[in-house]
Amino acid sequence: MLLINHGVSIEYEQASSSALLSNIFGLLPLLLMAALLFIFLRQAQNGGSQALSFGRSRAKMLSENRPKVTFEDVAGIDEAKQELEEVVEFLKYPKKFQALGARIPKGVLLLGPPGSGKTLLARAIAGEAGVPFFSISGSDFVEMFVGVGASRVRDLFDQAKKSAPCIVFIDEIDAVGRQRGAGLGGGHDEREQTLNQLLVEMDGFDQNTGVILIAATNRPDVLDPALLRPGRFDRQVVVDRTDIKGRTAILGVHARNKPLGKDVALEVLAKRTPGFSGADLENLLNEAALLAARRDKSVIEMIECDEAIDRVMVGPERRSIVMSQKEKEVTAYHEAGHAIVGGMLPHGDPIHKVTIIPRGMALGITWSLPEDDRHSQTREQLLAMICRAMGGRLAEELKFKDVTTGASNDFEQATELARRMVTQYGMSEGLGPIQYGRGNHQVFLGRELGEDRNYSEEIAGRIDTEVRKIIDQCYARGKEIMDANWHKLERMVEALLEYETVETEEVRAILGDKPYTRPEIPVVVAKPPEPGAKAPESKPTRLPPNVSPEPA
């Protein structure tokens, strides 16, 4: 008013609504961030924040309500069980060992191929000892954030010490325990920090804490040497694939809750499954049970077990593939060539079965099984394997004067085997008993980059020459066998084209030039319904293409 009384002119503009809205929208992100921060802090106080739980261990404790696994559930690895009985005894009666001044191994490393029963054995130890069992995978330690792996290791061992006596089981420890300095990320790699913390925690064990670390791996060659020294992993237990006696025992364990027919002999199944692991044998009986259920049977018979072996080894039948008569004929000669060459070699494995029914990625398969479990192979046995691999291409070339791409996998296996004979086994006549090439296999590099080549270009050329020489000799030897036994090959081809599969007895008869009569398949004739009887309801059965109903 004073300014107006003195004649001062005042001009003003009223704020528009658009300017007010722009100010509100400018403050909205700040208000939203403040609200989110408030919610985040509230959850952190209540222990519900996932962001702040990155450093916590993801180990799972075996529930007491869960069915316990004991040593009775573990079969075929008696030596490994004996080695671990001391661990169970220590957890049950620690004073017995402490009174004698004995120190139980701080760590036990289980070594073995996949499916051999390492994890099952660790669970059996926990079940026998009746103590808490922490289980975690090696890949659960490392995350994208720096320091998370080491924090999880500390948290895991803190939980274990509070629950002592207990067992900590780290599966696939090679994911975190690989040799340091082998990566491309420098010395401060997150994986190395995690391994360093694991080494510190294992050194920090007191002798009487009652915490026992058990780890499993199928790649002991890549583990850091500091992890394997005494005082950390004191004991290394090999859990290998079992022999025929062990496989029989494993099949007996997995057959407890399965009704087997009278014709099923576990010893026969064990003999037909060399090289199978415990997981393979469990899968075999499960596949047989599924096949029996699919056929509406109340028991598992030997026919389902035989088919289950084929399914586990090479996959299910693929009868939906439409093959021309020419392709069937080529496949029959190819597989018959494998069978004749392999079966007539004195050092070859006996031929078990030949089929031209497609399975997996193959159009036909020839099975050969060793008579006994084998832990090493002679030079003649390796040469027989190469000769048998060449039999398919030989049969195609001699019969059709042309070749197909079906032998590509055969050549790959034969060439790799011949190269190992020259460079690893010292079985080359020209180069002698010398091993060429040291496989360092850097853990973060490819196979080719990780191999140390310790020979010259001249030796490399001689290696190729020796490999070629072995292949040529086996090819010529296979051709001699084929020429001398062509009539046997034609007989097997005729049986394959008519029946699609030739079993063991018929294979032996063909190889021995003996007559063979196939057993007749019983035909079930339905009885006519009685007069006045009500016809039962029929349910349609869907069969795959080209499959006829099986006899009852």
Protein backbone atom coordinates (compact mmCIF):
# COMPACT_ATOMS: atom_id res chain seq x y z
CA MET A 1 0.00 0.00 0.00
CA LEU A 2 2.85 2.37 0.75
CA LEU A 3 4.20 1.92 -2.74
CA ILE A 4 0.77 2.51 -4.23
CA ASN A 5 0.30 5.72 -2.18
CA HIS A 6 3.54 7.04 -3.55
CA GLY A 7 2.43 6.42 -7.12
CA VAL A 8 4.57 3.35 -7.80
CA SER A 9 3.02 1.11 -10.46
CA ILE A 10 3.07 -2.62 -9.62
CA GLU A 11 2.63 -5.35 -12.21
CA TYR A 12 2.29 -9.11 -11.45
CA GLU A 13 1.32 -12.36 -13.15
CA GLN A 14 -0.67 -15.17 -11.63
CA ALA A 15 1.15 -18.54 -11.55
CA SER A 16 -0.14 -20.87 -14.21
CA SER A 17 -1.24 -24.41 -13.42
CA SER A 18 1.39 -25.92 -15.78
CA ALA A 19 4.28 -24.45 -13.76
CA LEU A 20 2.80 -25.85 -10.56
CA LEU A 21 2.54 -29.30 -12.08
CA SER A 22 6.12 -29.19 -13.33
CA ASN A 23 7.35 -28.44 -9.79
CA ILE A 24 5.32 -31.35 -8.41
CA PHE A 25 6.68 -33.76 -11.03
CA GLY A 26 10.18 -32.54 -10.27
CA LEU A 27 9.82 -33.46 -6.59
CA LEU A 28 8.08 -36.81 -7.28
CA PRO A 29 11.27 -38.85 -8.01
CA LEU A 30 12.85 -37.57 -4.80
CA LEU A 31 9.78 -38.54 -2.80
CA LEU A 32 9.69 -41.97 -4.45
CA MET A 33 13.36 -42.62 -3.67
CA ALA A 34 12.82 -41.56 -0.07
CA ALA A 35 9.89 -43.96 0.25
CA LEU A 36 11.86 -46.84 -1.21
CA LEU A 37 14.80 -46.12 1.10
CA PHE A 38 12.46 -46.09 4.10
CA ILE A 39 10.93 -49.47 3.10
CA PHE A 40 14.39 -50.93 2.45
CA LEU A 41 15.67 -49.92 5.89
CA ARG A 42 12.56 -51.24 7.62
CA GLN A 43 12.95 -54.62 5.95
CA ALA A 44 16.64 -54.70 6.81
CA GLN A 45 15.81 -54.17 10.47
CA ASN A 46 13.33 -57.04 10.34
CA GLY A 47 15.85 -59.35 8.64
CA GLY A 48 13.79 -59.62 5.46
CA SER A 49 16.10 -57.89 3.02
CA GLN A 50 17.44 -60.14 0.29
CA ALA A 51 19.98 -57.52 -0.71
CA LEU A 52 21.70 -57.72 2.66
CA SER A 53 21.69 -61.55 2.68
CA PHE A 54 24.13 -62.03 -0.18
CA GLY A 55 26.90 -62.89 2.24
CA ARG A 56 24.90 -65.59 3.99
CA SER A 57 25.58 -69.22 3.23
CA ARG A 58 23.14 -71.09 1.05
CA ALA A 59 23.91 -74.43 2.66
CA LYS A 60 20.91 -76.63 3.30
CA MET A 61 20.63 -78.62 6.50
CA LEU A 62 19.29 -82.14 6.11
CA SER A 63 15.89 -82.29 7.78
CA GLU A 64 15.35 -84.80 10.58
CA ASN A 65 11.93 -85.67 9.16
CA ARG A 66 13.51 -86.74 5.90
CA PRO A 67 14.16 -90.48 5.41
CA LYS A 68 17.72 -91.17 6.48
CA VAL A 69 20.25 -92.81 4.21
CA THR A 70 22.45 -95.42 5.85
CA PHE A 71 25.30 -97.64 4.75
CA GLU A 72 22.74 -100.35 3.95
CA ASP A 73 21.53 -98.15 1.09
CA VAL A 74 25.07 -97.94 -0.33
CA ALA A 75 26.32 -101.00 -2.20
CA GLY A 76 29.20 -101.90 -4.47
CA ILE A 77 31.79 -99.57 -2.89
CA ASP A 78 32.82 -101.56 0.17
CA GLU A 79 36.36 -100.17 0.27
CA ALA A 80 35.11 -96.58 0.35
CA LYS A 81 32.66 -97.43 3.14
CA GLN A 82 35.44 -99.00 5.19
CA GLU A 83 37.57 -95.89 4.82
CA LEU A 84 34.75 -93.71 6.12
CA GLU A 85 33.72 -95.90 9.04
CA GLU A 86 36.29 -94.12 11.21
CA VAL A 87 34.58 -90.82 10.55
CA VAL A 88 31.29 -92.23 11.77
CA GLU A 89 32.95 -93.78 14.81
CA PHE A 90 34.55 -90.45 15.72
CA LEU A 91 31.26 -88.58 15.49
CA LYS A 92 29.54 -91.22 17.64
CA TYR A 93 32.30 -91.80 20.19
CA PRO A 94 34.79 -88.89 20.07
CA LYS A 95 36.21 -89.58 23.55
CA LYS A 96 37.44 -92.99 22.39
CA PHE A 97 39.82 -91.33 19.91
CA GLN A 98 40.70 -88.32 22.07
CA ALA A 99 41.80 -90.58 24.91
CA LEU A 100 44.40 -92.14 22.62
CA GLY A 101 45.57 -88.80 21.26
CA ALA A 102 44.25 -89.61 17.81
CA ARG A 103 43.17 -86.87 15.44
CA ILE A 104 40.33 -87.55 13.08
CA PRO A 105 40.89 -86.34 9.49
CA LYS A 106 39.68 -82.77 9.19
CA GLY A 107 38.61 -83.28 5.62
CA VAL A 108 37.70 -86.20 3.38
CA LEU A 109 37.79 -85.79 -0.40
CA LEU A 110 35.67 -88.21 -2.43
CA LEU A 111 37.05 -88.77 -5.92
CA GLY A 112 35.19 -90.55 -8.69
CA PRO A 113 33.34 -90.28 -11.98
CA PRO A 114 29.81 -88.82 -12.12
CA GLY A 115 27.10 -91.09 -10.77
CA SER A 116 29.43 -93.34 -8.78
CA GLY A 117 27.76 -92.58 -5.43
CA LYS A 118 29.86 -89.81 -3.84
CA THR A 119 26.90 -87.72 -2.68
CA LEU A 120 24.99 -90.81 -1.56
CA LEU A 121 27.98 -91.92 0.48
CA ALA A 122 28.20 -88.53 2.21
CA ARG A 123 24.50 -88.66 3.11
CA ALA A 124 24.97 -92.18 4.44
CA ILE A 125 27.71 -90.93 6.77
CA ALA A 126 25.34 -88.28 8.14
CA GLY A 127 22.58 -90.86 8.55
CA GLU A 128 24.82 -93.30 10.37
CA ALA A 129 26.35 -90.71 12.68
CA GLY A 130 23.05 -88.96 13.42
CA VAL A 131 24.53 -85.45 13.32
CA PRO A 132 23.52 -82.27 11.44
CA PHE A 133 24.43 -82.39 7.76
CA PHE A 134 25.07 -79.16 5.81
CA SER A 135 25.03 -79.59 2.03
CA ILE A 136 26.09 -76.98 -0.50
CA SER A 137 27.39 -76.93 -4.07
CA GLY A 138 30.69 -75.32 -4.97
CA SER A 139 28.97 -73.04 -7.47
CA ASP A 140 26.77 -71.53 -4.71
CA PHE A 141 29.69 -69.59 -3.24
CA VAL A 142 30.63 -67.33 -6.13
CA GLU A 143 28.39 -64.46 -7.27
CA MET A 144 28.85 -61.34 -9.37
CA PHE A 145 29.53 -59.16 -6.31
CA VAL A 146 33.05 -58.96 -4.94
CA GLY A 147 33.54 -60.54 -1.52
CA VAL A 148 30.28 -62.51 -1.50
CA GLY A 149 31.98 -65.90 -1.86
CA ALA A 150 34.37 -65.35 1.05
CA SER A 151 31.52 -64.06 3.20
CA ARG A 152 29.45 -67.16 2.46
CA VAL A 153 32.36 -69.41 3.39
CA ARG A 154 32.71 -67.65 6.75
CA ASP A 155 28.98 -67.87 7.41
CA LEU A 156 28.90 -71.58 6.51
CA PHE A 157 31.63 -72.50 8.96
CA ASP A 158 30.14 -70.28 11.67
CA GLN A 159 26.87 -72.21 11.36
CA ALA A 160 28.75 -75.51 11.39
CA LYS A 161 30.68 -74.66 14.57
CA LYS A 162 27.44 -73.73 16.33
CA SER A 163 25.90 -77.09 15.33
CA ALA A 164 28.98 -79.21 16.10
CA PRO A 165 29.44 -82.10 15.93
CA CYS A 166 28.29 -81.98 12.31
CA ILE A 167 29.25 -82.67 8.71
CA VAL A 168 29.76 -80.05 6.00
CA PHE A 169 29.45 -81.47 2.49
CA ILE A 170 30.60 -79.44 -0.53
CA ASP A 171 29.59 -81.06 -3.80
CA GLU A 172 31.54 -80.28 -6.97
CA ILE A 173 34.28 -78.51 -5.03
CA ASP A 174 36.25 -78.04 -8.26
CA ALA A 175 33.90 -75.13 -9.05
CA VAL A 176 35.51 -73.12 -6.23
CA GLY A 177 38.75 -75.01 -5.53
CA ARG A 178 40.45 -74.77 -8.91
CA GLN A 179 44.15 -74.05 -9.01
CA ARG A 180 44.98 -70.39 -8.42
CA GLY A 181 46.80 -68.36 -11.02
CA ALA A 182 45.25 -70.27 -13.93
CA GLY A 183 42.57 -67.74 -14.77
CA LEU A 184 42.64 -64.71 -17.02
CA GLY A 185 41.30 -62.29 -14.42
CA GLY A 186 44.46 -61.59 -12.50
CA GLY A 187 45.40 -62.32 -8.92
CA HIS A 188 42.31 -60.69 -7.38
CA ASP A 189 39.79 -62.98 -9.00
CA GLU A 190 36.66 -63.48 -6.92
CA ARG A 191 37.02 -67.24 -7.16
CA GLU A 192 40.52 -67.06 -5.71
CA GLN A 193 39.33 -64.93 -2.79
CA THR A 194 36.69 -67.55 -2.04
CA LEU A 195 39.28 -70.34 -2.18
CA ASN A 196 41.64 -68.38 0.09
CA GLN A 197 38.88 -67.98 2.67
CA LEU A 198 38.07 -71.69 2.44
CA LEU A 199 41.72 -72.55 3.10
CA VAL A 200 41.79 -70.20 6.09
CA GLU A 201 38.63 -71.72 7.57
CA MET A 202 39.95 -75.26 7.15
CA ASP A 203 43.16 -74.26 8.91
CA GLY A 204 41.11 -72.65 11.68
CA PHE A 205 39.50 -75.91 12.71
CA ASP A 206 40.35 -76.96 16.22
CA GLN A 207 41.05 -80.61 16.73
CA ASN A 208 38.04 -81.01 18.99
CA THR A 209 35.45 -78.90 17.18
CA GLY A 210 33.68 -81.95 15.78
CA VAL A 211 33.22 -80.34 12.35
CA ILE A 212 34.21 -82.65 9.50
CA LEU A 213 34.40 -81.39 5.93
CA ILE A 214 33.56 -83.81 3.14
CA ALA A 215 33.92 -82.72 -0.49
CA ALA A 216 33.28 -84.49 -3.78
CA THR A 217 34.73 -83.94 -7.23
CA ASN A 218 35.25 -85.75 -10.51
CA ARG A 219 38.14 -83.45 -11.49
CA PRO A 220 40.86 -83.85 -8.85
CA ASP A 221 43.49 -82.83 -11.42
CA VAL A 222 42.33 -79.17 -11.41
CA LEU A 223 42.24 -78.69 -7.63
CA ASP A 224 44.69 -76.34 -5.94
CA PRO A 225 47.61 -78.19 -4.29
CA ALA A 226 47.13 -76.18 -1.08
CA LEU A 227 43.66 -77.67 -0.78
CA LEU A 228 44.96 -81.23 -0.91
CA ARG A 229 47.78 -80.99 1.61
CA PRO A 230 47.60 -82.89 4.93
CA GLY A 231 45.76 -80.87 7.57
CA ARG A 232 43.04 -79.86 5.16
CA PHE A 233 41.96 -82.89 3.15
CA ASP A 234 43.85 -85.58 5.03
CA ARG A 235 42.13 -88.48 3.33
CA GLN A 236 41.25 -89.01 -0.32
CA VAL A 237 38.77 -91.82 -1.00
CA VAL A 238 38.31 -93.11 -4.55
CA VAL A 239 34.71 -94.00 -5.41
CA ASP A 240 35.07 -95.73 -8.76
CA ARG A 241 32.73 -97.68 -11.00
CA THR A 242 32.15 -101.15 -9.63
CA ASP A 243 32.82 -104.65 -10.91
CA ILE A 244 30.20 -107.30 -11.64
CA LYS A 245 29.88 -108.19 -7.96
CA GLY A 246 29.33 -104.57 -7.00
CA ARG A 247 26.82 -104.01 -9.80
CA THR A 248 24.84 -107.03 -8.62
CA ALA A 249 24.72 -105.56 -5.10
CA ILE A 250 23.66 -102.13 -6.41
CA LEU A 251 20.88 -103.68 -8.50
CA GLY A 252 19.72 -105.56 -5.39
CA VAL A 253 19.41 -102.30 -3.45
CA HIS A 254 17.41 -100.55 -6.18
CA ALA A 255 15.19 -103.62 -6.74
CA ARG A 256 13.90 -103.68 -3.15
CA ASN A 257 10.62 -101.94 -3.92
CA LYS A 258 10.17 -103.29 -7.45
CA PRO A 259 8.36 -106.57 -8.24
CA LEU A 260 10.67 -108.60 -10.47
CA GLY A 261 9.58 -111.54 -12.58
CA LYS A 262 10.95 -115.01 -12.09
CA ASP A 263 13.04 -114.75 -15.25
CA VAL A 264 14.94 -111.67 -14.02
CA ALA A 265 18.46 -112.52 -12.82
CA LEU A 266 20.40 -109.60 -11.35
CA GLU A 267 23.70 -111.37 -12.03
CA VAL A 268 22.88 -111.51 -15.75
CA LEU A 269 21.98 -107.82 -15.78
CA ALA A 270 25.22 -107.00 -13.98
CA LYS A 271 27.21 -108.93 -16.60
CA ARG A 272 25.48 -107.04 -19.41
CA THR A 273 26.23 -103.62 -17.93
CA PRO A 274 30.03 -103.23 -17.73
CA GLY A 275 31.05 -99.65 -17.04
CA PHE A 276 27.65 -98.67 -15.64
CA SER A 277 27.71 -96.39 -12.61
CA GLY A 278 25.32 -96.62 -9.69
CA ALA A 279 23.18 -93.86 -11.18
CA ASP A 280 23.02 -95.73 -14.49
CA LEU A 281 21.88 -98.92 -12.76
CA GLU A 282 19.19 -97.06 -10.83
CA ASN A 283 18.00 -95.48 -14.07
CA LEU A 284 18.01 -98.91 -15.74
CA LEU A 285 15.57 -100.44 -13.24
CA ASN A 286 13.42 -97.31 -13.30
CA GLU A 287 13.18 -97.46 -17.10
CA ALA A 288 12.28 -101.16 -16.87
CA ALA A 289 9.52 -100.34 -14.37
CA LEU A 290 8.17 -97.63 -16.67
CA LEU A 291 8.14 -100.02 -19.62
CA ALA A 292 6.31 -102.67 -17.58
CA ALA A 293 3.71 -100.10 -16.46
CA ARG A 294 3.27 -98.95 -20.06
CA ARG A 295 2.49 -102.55 -21.02
CA ASP A 296 0.04 -103.03 -18.12
CA LYS A 297 2.17 -105.68 -16.42
CA SER A 298 2.18 -106.40 -12.70
CA VAL A 299 5.86 -107.44 -12.60
CA ILE A 300 9.07 -106.41 -14.36
CA GLU A 301 10.28 -109.13 -16.69
CA MET A 302 13.63 -109.70 -18.39
CA ILE A 303 12.41 -108.30 -21.71
CA GLU A 304 11.82 -104.90 -20.07
CA CYS A 305 15.25 -105.02 -18.43
CA ASP A 306 16.96 -105.80 -21.75
CA GLU A 307 15.20 -102.94 -23.47
CA ALA A 308 15.98 -100.63 -20.55
CA ILE A 309 19.70 -101.38 -20.97
CA ASP A 310 19.48 -100.29 -24.60
CA ARG A 311 17.57 -97.14 -23.65
CA VAL A 312 20.14 -96.14 -21.03
CA MET A 313 23.11 -96.82 -23.32
CA VAL A 314 21.99 -95.25 -26.60
CA GLY A 315 18.47 -93.90 -26.12
CA PRO A 316 14.95 -95.06 -27.00
CA GLU A 317 13.92 -96.48 -30.32
CA ARG A 318 12.94 -93.98 -33.03
CA ARG A 319 10.62 -95.99 -35.21
CA SER A 320 9.00 -92.80 -36.45
CA ILE A 321 12.00 -92.28 -38.79
CA VAL A 322 10.95 -93.23 -42.30
CA MET A 323 13.81 -94.99 -44.09
CA SER A 324 13.74 -96.11 -47.69
CA GLN A 325 14.48 -99.73 -48.56
CA LYS A 326 17.84 -98.65 -49.95
CA GLU A 327 18.80 -96.92 -46.69
CA LYS A 328 17.75 -99.97 -44.69
CA GLU A 329 19.89 -102.17 -46.88
CA VAL A 330 22.92 -99.88 -46.55
CA THR A 331 22.45 -99.72 -42.77
CA ALA A 332 22.13 -103.52 -42.59
CA TYR A 333 25.41 -104.04 -44.48
CA HIS A 334 27.10 -101.36 -42.37
CA GLU A 335 26.12 -102.93 -39.03
CA ALA A 336 26.75 -106.46 -40.30
CA GLY A 337 30.26 -105.33 -41.28
CA HIS A 338 30.93 -104.19 -37.72
CA ALA A 339 29.62 -107.49 -36.35
CA ILE A 340 31.52 -109.78 -38.72
CA VAL A 341 34.89 -108.03 -38.41
CA GLY A 342 34.56 -107.58 -34.66
CA GLY A 343 33.27 -111.08 -34.05
CA MET A 344 35.94 -112.88 -36.08
CA LEU A 345 38.91 -111.13 -34.46
CA PRO A 346 40.54 -113.31 -31.79
CA HIS A 347 41.10 -110.37 -29.42
CA GLY A 348 37.80 -108.62 -30.05
CA ASP A 349 34.93 -108.41 -27.58
CA PRO A 350 32.01 -110.80 -28.25
CA ILE A 351 29.14 -109.30 -30.24
CA HIS A 352 26.02 -109.05 -28.09
CA LYS A 353 23.36 -107.64 -30.42
CA VAL A 354 22.98 -106.05 -33.85
CA THR A 355 20.03 -103.88 -34.87
CA ILE A 356 19.01 -101.54 -37.67
CA ILE A 357 16.30 -99.88 -35.57
CA PRO A 358 17.30 -96.20 -35.15
CA ARG A 359 18.18 -95.28 -31.58
CA GLY A 360 19.40 -91.93 -30.35
CA MET A 361 21.41 -90.34 -33.17
CA ALA A 362 22.34 -93.64 -34.85
CA LEU A 363 20.48 -95.45 -37.64
CA GLY A 364 21.80 -98.80 -36.41
CA ILE A 365 23.90 -100.14 -33.56
CA THR A 366 26.21 -103.09 -32.94
CA TRP A 367 26.74 -103.94 -29.27
CA SER A 368 29.88 -105.72 -28.06
CA LEU A 369 30.39 -106.65 -24.42
CA PRO A 370 33.60 -107.87 -22.76
CA GLU A 371 33.40 -111.22 -21.07
CA ASP A 372 34.96 -109.90 -17.84
CA ASP A 373 35.52 -106.52 -16.20
CA ARG A 374 38.58 -104.92 -17.73
CA HIS A 375 40.85 -102.32 -16.15
CA SER A 376 43.57 -102.24 -18.81
CA GLN A 377 43.78 -103.14 -22.48
CA THR A 378 46.45 -104.75 -24.61
CA ARG A 379 47.71 -103.50 -27.96
CA GLU A 380 45.89 -106.29 -29.81
CA GLN A 381 42.62 -105.41 -28.11
CA LEU A 382 42.97 -101.76 -29.15
CA LEU A 383 43.77 -102.77 -32.73
CA ALA A 384 40.71 -105.04 -32.73
CA MET A 385 38.55 -102.05 -31.71
CA ILE A 386 39.91 -100.02 -34.63
CA CYS A 387 39.34 -102.93 -37.04
CA ARG A 388 35.74 -103.30 -35.89
CA ALA A 389 35.16 -99.57 -36.38
CA MET A 390 36.34 -99.91 -39.98
CA GLY A 391 34.02 -102.85 -40.70
CA GLY A 392 31.00 -100.69 -41.53
CA ARG A 393 32.74 -98.65 -44.23
CA LEU A 394 34.37 -101.81 -45.65
CA ALA A 395 31.01 -103.54 -46.09
CA GLU A 396 29.54 -100.50 -47.85
CA GLU A 397 32.52 -100.20 -50.19
CA LEU A 398 32.66 -103.88 -51.12
CA LYS A 399 28.91 -104.26 -51.68
CA PHE A 400 27.82 -100.99 -53.27
CA LYS A 401 31.15 -99.71 -54.70
CA ASP A 402 30.22 -96.45 -52.98
CA VAL A 403 30.33 -95.07 -49.45
CA THR A 404 28.04 -92.98 -47.24
CA THR A 405 28.49 -90.52 -44.37
CA GLY A 406 27.39 -93.13 -41.82
CA ALA A 407 30.97 -94.01 -40.89
CA SER A 408 32.00 -90.53 -39.74
CA ASN A 409 31.67 -91.34 -36.05
CA ASP A 410 33.51 -94.64 -36.58
CA PHE A 411 36.45 -92.79 -38.13
CA GLU A 412 36.47 -90.25 -35.31
CA GLN A 413 36.72 -92.96 -32.65
CA ALA A 414 39.29 -94.98 -34.60
CA THR A 415 41.53 -91.97 -35.26
CA GLU A 416 41.39 -90.81 -31.64
CA LEU A 417 42.24 -94.29 -30.40
CA ALA A 418 45.14 -94.65 -32.84
CA ARG A 419 46.50 -91.24 -31.82
CA ARG A 420 46.37 -92.20 -28.13
CA MET A 421 48.25 -95.41 -28.96
CA VAL A 422 51.03 -93.34 -30.52
CA THR A 423 51.22 -90.32 -28.19
CA GLN A 424 50.13 -91.71 -24.80
CA TYR A 425 50.45 -95.49 -24.67
CA GLY A 426 53.82 -95.84 -26.42
CA MET A 427 52.46 -98.53 -28.78
CA SER A 428 53.94 -97.16 -31.99
CA GLU A 429 56.52 -99.24 -33.82
CA GLY A 430 58.21 -96.20 -35.34
CA LEU A 431 58.35 -93.88 -32.31
CA GLY A 432 58.59 -96.43 -29.53
CA PRO A 433 57.64 -96.22 -25.85
CA ILE A 434 57.57 -92.43 -25.54
CA GLN A 435 54.72 -90.12 -24.51
CA TYR A 436 54.26 -86.93 -26.51
CA GLY A 437 52.33 -83.93 -25.25
CA ARG A 438 51.71 -82.89 -21.68
CA GLY A 439 48.09 -82.12 -20.93
CA ASN A 440 48.27 -79.21 -18.49
CA HIS A 441 44.65 -78.32 -19.29
CA GLN A 442 44.50 -74.80 -17.92
CA VAL A 443 41.18 -74.64 -16.15
CA PHE A 444 39.85 -71.46 -17.79
CA LEU A 445 41.21 -72.14 -21.28
CA GLY A 446 40.11 -74.42 -24.03
CA ARG A 447 41.56 -77.89 -24.48
CA GLU A 448 43.79 -76.89 -27.38
CA LEU A 449 45.14 -73.77 -25.62
CA GLY A 450 45.73 -75.69 -22.40
CA GLU A 451 47.88 -78.46 -23.88
CA ASP A 452 51.63 -78.08 -23.73
CA ARG A 453 53.19 -79.29 -26.96
CA ASN A 454 56.63 -80.63 -26.09
CA TYR A 455 57.68 -81.94 -29.50
CA SER A 456 58.88 -80.47 -32.77
CA GLU A 457 57.18 -80.15 -36.12
CA GLU A 458 59.20 -83.10 -37.37
CA ILE A 459 57.87 -85.32 -34.56
CA ALA A 460 54.34 -84.03 -35.23
CA GLY A 461 54.66 -85.21 -38.81
CA ARG A 462 55.94 -88.61 -37.70
CA ILE A 463 53.01 -88.92 -35.25
CA ASP A 464 50.57 -88.31 -38.08
CA THR A 465 52.43 -90.89 -40.18
CA GLU A 466 52.24 -93.52 -37.41
CA VAL A 467 48.53 -92.84 -36.86
CA ARG A 468 47.89 -93.26 -40.56
CA LYS A 469 49.92 -96.46 -40.56
CA ILE A 470 47.83 -98.00 -37.78
CA ILE A 471 44.57 -97.04 -39.51
CA ASP A 472 45.75 -98.47 -42.85
CA GLN A 473 46.87 -101.74 -41.24
CA CYS A 474 43.54 -102.18 -39.47
CA TYR A 475 41.65 -101.34 -42.66
CA ALA A 476 43.58 -103.97 -44.60
CA ARG A 477 43.12 -106.54 -41.85
CA GLY A 478 39.39 -105.88 -41.77
CA LYS A 479 39.17 -106.30 -45.55
CA GLU A 480 40.86 -109.71 -45.30
CA ILE A 481 38.33 -110.82 -42.69
CA MET A 482 35.46 -109.49 -44.79
CA ASP A 483 36.59 -111.29 -47.94
CA ALA A 484 36.99 -114.59 -46.10
CA ASN A 485 33.59 -114.36 -44.35
CA TRP A 486 31.38 -112.65 -46.93
CA HIS A 487 28.81 -115.42 -46.79
CA LYS A 488 28.37 -114.81 -43.06
CA LEU A 489 27.83 -111.13 -43.69
CA GLU A 490 25.14 -111.85 -46.29
CA ARG A 491 23.39 -114.18 -43.85
CA MET A 492 23.39 -111.52 -41.12
CA VAL A 493 22.12 -108.87 -43.54
CA GLU A 494 19.26 -111.16 -44.52
CA ALA A 495 18.33 -111.64 -40.85
CA LEU A 496 18.54 -107.91 -40.16
CA LEU A 497 16.33 -106.96 -43.10
CA GLU A 498 13.73 -109.54 -42.05
CA TYR A 499 13.72 -109.15 -38.24
CA GLU A 500 15.56 -105.79 -37.71
CA THR A 501 17.39 -107.14 -34.64
CA VAL A 502 19.74 -110.11 -34.23
CA GLU A 503 20.29 -111.30 -30.65
CA THR A 504 23.32 -112.97 -29.06
CA GLU A 505 22.45 -116.61 -29.83
CA GLU A 506 21.79 -115.93 -33.51
CA VAL A 507 24.96 -113.82 -33.79
CA ARG A 508 27.01 -116.71 -32.43
CA ALA A 509 25.34 -119.13 -34.83
CA ILE A 510 26.09 -116.89 -37.83
CA LEU A 511 29.71 -116.34 -36.81
CA GLY A 512 30.17 -120.07 -36.23
CA ASP A 513 28.45 -121.12 -39.49
CA LYS A 514 25.85 -123.05 -37.53
CA PRO A 515 22.14 -123.33 -38.22
CA TYR A 516 19.76 -121.35 -36.06
CA THR A 517 15.99 -121.49 -35.72
CA ARG A 518 14.25 -118.49 -34.24
CA PRO A 519 11.82 -119.33 -31.43
CA GLU A 520 8.21 -119.04 -32.47
CA ILE A 521 6.26 -116.21 -30.91
CA PRO A 522 3.16 -117.60 -29.18
CA VAL A 523 -0.09 -116.33 -30.63
CA VAL A 524 -2.87 -115.72 -28.14
CA VAL A 525 -6.32 -116.48 -29.58
CA ALA A 526 -9.19 -114.82 -27.79
CA LYS A 527 -12.05 -117.10 -26.72
CA PRO A 528 -15.43 -116.33 -28.27
CA PRO A 529 -17.89 -114.75 -25.82
CA GLU A 530 -20.52 -117.00 -24.27
CA PRO A 531 -24.09 -116.54 -25.46
CA GLY A 532 -25.81 -113.77 -23.55
CA ALA A 533 -22.59 -112.48 -21.99
CA LYS A 534 -21.99 -108.75 -21.98
CA ALA A 535 -19.00 -107.68 -24.04
CA PRO A 536 -16.33 -105.90 -21.98
CA GLU A 537 -15.59 -102.28 -22.66
CA SER A 538 -12.61 -101.88 -24.92
CA LYS A 539 -10.17 -99.04 -24.43
CA PRO A 540 -8.26 -97.84 -27.50
CA THR A 541 -4.51 -98.40 -27.35
CA ARG A 542 -2.25 -95.94 -29.12
CA LEU A 543 0.86 -97.46 -30.65
CA PRO A 544 3.77 -95.65 -32.25
CA PRO A 545 4.00 -95.83 -36.05
CA ASN A 546 5.22 -99.16 -37.52
CA VAL A 547 4.81 -100.94 -34.15
CA SER A 548 2.60 -104.00 -33.95
CA PRO A 549 0.96 -105.02 -30.67
CA GLU A 550 3.20 -107.21 -28.55
CA PRO A 551 2.02 -110.70 -27.58
CA ALA A 552 0.61 -111.07 -24.11
